[in-house]
Amino acid sequence: MLEKGLNPRLPYDTLKMDLVDKHPTASSFKIMLDKQRHHANRFMQDYFKYAKERWDKSHKPPDFKIGDLVLVSTLNLNNIKGPKKSKDSFERPFMIKELHGPNAVQLELTG
């Protein structure tokens, strides 16, 4: 198949359509494969809808304002010396200086 420019990616793609007409088992296999693919696709769409509804029900968008005090997580700060176990989880509160979108802020680190 590769010499003819066809690169099969799924089992469905490897079935030759002319074999479906020649052999009854290939025809029933194609029908079964189509039903399973349709069922899996429907199940995934239902799950995505359920997950979105569940997320939207409990998710609250952040409401940062200039002048609010926020804590900075030290999870990704590697410049703090000492064992990780004894590090504080958050640094002291810093004031928000500018907003850069709904989740990104610029902090005033001095003061």
Protein backbone atom coordinates (compact mmCIF):
# COMPACT_ATOMS: atom_id res chain seq x y z
CA MET A 1 0.00 0.00 0.00
CA LEU A 2 2.87 2.39 0.67
CA GLU A 3 4.15 2.08 -2.90
CA LYS A 4 0.79 3.41 -4.14
CA GLY A 5 0.89 6.44 -1.82
CA LEU A 6 -1.60 5.07 0.73
CA ASN A 7 -0.48 5.22 4.35
CA PRO A 8 -3.03 3.34 6.49
CA ARG A 9 -3.39 4.70 10.01
CA LEU A 10 -6.38 2.77 11.34
CA PRO A 11 -7.49 -0.84 10.90
CA TYR A 12 -10.41 0.49 8.90
CA ASP A 13 -7.99 1.98 6.36
CA THR A 14 -6.25 -1.36 5.72
CA LEU A 15 -9.45 -3.01 4.47
CA LYS A 16 -9.54 -3.09 0.72
CA MET A 17 -12.95 -2.04 -0.50
CA ASP A 18 -12.92 -4.52 -3.41
CA LEU A 19 -12.45 -7.43 -0.96
CA VAL A 20 -15.69 -6.48 0.76
CA ASP A 21 -17.61 -7.42 -2.36
CA LYS A 22 -15.67 -10.67 -2.93
CA HIS A 23 -15.75 -12.22 0.53
CA PRO A 24 -18.78 -12.28 2.90
CA THR A 25 -16.61 -12.42 6.04
CA ALA A 26 -14.87 -9.18 5.05
CA SER A 27 -18.26 -7.58 4.58
CA SER A 28 -19.49 -8.60 8.05
CA PHE A 29 -16.15 -7.54 9.57
CA LYS A 30 -16.48 -4.11 7.95
CA ILE A 31 -20.03 -3.73 9.29
CA MET A 32 -18.92 -4.77 12.79
CA LEU A 33 -15.96 -2.39 12.67
CA ASP A 34 -18.19 0.50 11.57
CA LYS A 35 -20.65 -0.18 14.42
CA GLN A 36 -17.86 -0.30 17.01
CA ARG A 37 -16.28 2.89 15.71
CA HIS A 38 -19.64 4.67 15.77
CA HIS A 39 -20.32 3.42 19.32
CA ALA A 40 -16.87 4.55 20.55
CA ASN A 41 -17.29 7.95 18.90
CA ARG A 42 -20.73 8.44 20.46
CA PHE A 43 -19.44 7.38 23.89
CA MET A 44 -16.51 9.83 23.68
CA GLN A 45 -18.80 12.71 22.69
CA ASP A 46 -21.13 11.91 25.61
CA TYR A 47 -18.20 11.77 28.01
CA PHE A 48 -16.77 15.09 26.79
CA LYS A 49 -20.19 16.69 27.28
CA TYR A 50 -20.47 15.20 30.81
CA ALA A 51 -16.93 16.33 31.76
CA LYS A 52 -17.60 19.87 30.50
CA GLU A 53 -20.87 20.12 32.45
CA ARG A 54 -19.18 18.85 35.60
CA TRP A 55 -16.24 21.26 35.22
CA ASP A 56 -18.50 24.25 34.49
CA LYS A 57 -20.66 23.46 37.53
CA SER A 58 -17.78 23.71 40.01
CA HIS A 59 -15.36 26.08 38.26
CA LYS A 60 -15.25 29.71 39.30
CA PRO A 61 -13.18 32.08 37.14
CA PRO A 62 -10.61 34.14 39.07
CA ASP A 63 -11.53 37.72 39.82
CA PHE A 64 -8.21 39.50 40.30
CA LYS A 65 -8.15 43.27 40.65
CA ILE A 66 -5.25 45.72 40.75
CA GLY A 67 -4.22 46.20 44.36
CA ASP A 68 -5.24 42.71 45.55
CA LEU A 69 -2.78 40.76 47.65
CA VAL A 70 -1.87 37.29 46.34
CA LEU A 71 0.49 34.55 47.50
CA VAL A 72 3.20 33.24 45.17
CA SER A 73 3.69 29.46 45.04
CA THR A 74 7.25 28.24 45.59
CA LEU A 75 6.61 24.91 43.85
CA ASN A 76 8.68 25.78 40.75
CA LEU A 77 11.22 28.06 42.43
CA ASN A 78 14.54 26.22 42.40
CA ASN A 79 16.71 29.00 43.77
CA ILE A 80 15.63 28.52 47.39
CA LYS A 81 18.34 26.64 49.27
CA GLY A 82 17.75 23.84 51.71
CA PRO A 83 15.65 20.72 51.70
CA LYS A 84 12.36 20.85 49.83
CA LYS A 85 10.58 19.52 52.90
CA SER A 86 11.42 22.59 54.96
CA LYS A 87 10.51 25.16 52.27
CA ASP A 88 7.36 27.18 52.70
CA SER A 89 4.67 26.40 50.14
CA PHE A 90 4.00 30.08 49.46
CA GLU A 91 5.90 33.34 49.71
CA ARG A 92 4.50 36.37 51.50
CA PRO A 93 1.57 38.24 49.90
CA PHE A 94 2.44 40.51 46.99
CA MET A 95 0.34 43.31 45.52
CA ILE A 96 -1.00 43.02 41.95
CA LYS A 97 0.45 45.80 39.81
CA GLU A 98 -1.03 44.98 36.35
CA LEU A 99 -3.42 42.49 34.80
CA HIS A 100 -2.35 40.58 31.67
CA GLY A 101 -5.45 38.52 30.86
CA PRO A 102 -7.73 36.59 33.19
CA ASN A 103 -5.01 34.47 34.86
CA ALA A 104 -1.77 36.39 34.36
CA VAL A 105 -0.77 39.26 36.60
CA GLN A 106 2.30 41.38 37.21
CA LEU A 107 3.25 41.66 40.86
CA GLU A 108 5.00 44.39 42.77
CA LEU A 109 7.85 42.41 44.32
CA THR A 110 9.44 45.23 46.32
CA GLY A 111 7.99 46.70 49.40
